[in-house]
Amino acid sequence: MTQNQCYEMCKKIAPQFGFDPILILAVCKQESSFGENMRARYEDGYRKTYVEKFSFNIATELLFSFSYGIMQVMGLTLWEMGYFGKAKNAADIANLISVFAISYEEQLTQGCKCLKQKLGKGPIDHALYKYNGSWEYPPLIFAHADKLAADYGLQFDRGSGTSRPLN
């Protein structure tokens, strides 16, 4: 997927969740370089911190310990948000992950849904921190957003997480 293709999808999906498309495009840039590096990534620290406290079978535990897609949403997060519905076993979950993996639109939708949950009523930098778990993450996203906004003749406001045309 090219940057422009991703931006077009972000313009369609991000506003549905109250986000500026440039902000979501910046997350996609950081997490997957617009899909170039969107392979599933195993996150051992995440597994030990968040997933092991549940009593999942080992296959489900492993599936929930990976991040997936253009916004690299964690498997456990997808489960918490109800993405897997009434999946009965690890095979059902793996099949749904396969469907997720081929749909950029679904990946953006679930990523925006996740970020929206993290946002609550707080500032955007706090939501970005919660999305990734590191205070180093918001400045990375904002730096991408500044550059990406400029690519489209826009200026990104880090305080509000929105962009506007350059004057």
Foldseek 3Di string as FASTA:
>chain_A
DALVVQLVLLVVALVVLPAASLLLSLLLCVQDNVPVRFDKAADVVCLVPPQVVDPAPPLLSRQQRIFGDSNRAGNVLCVVVCVLPPDDHSVSSVVSRVVVRVDNNSVSNSNSVQLSVLPPPHWSLSSQCVRPVDNVRLVSSVVSSQVVQVVVQWGADSRRNYIDHDD
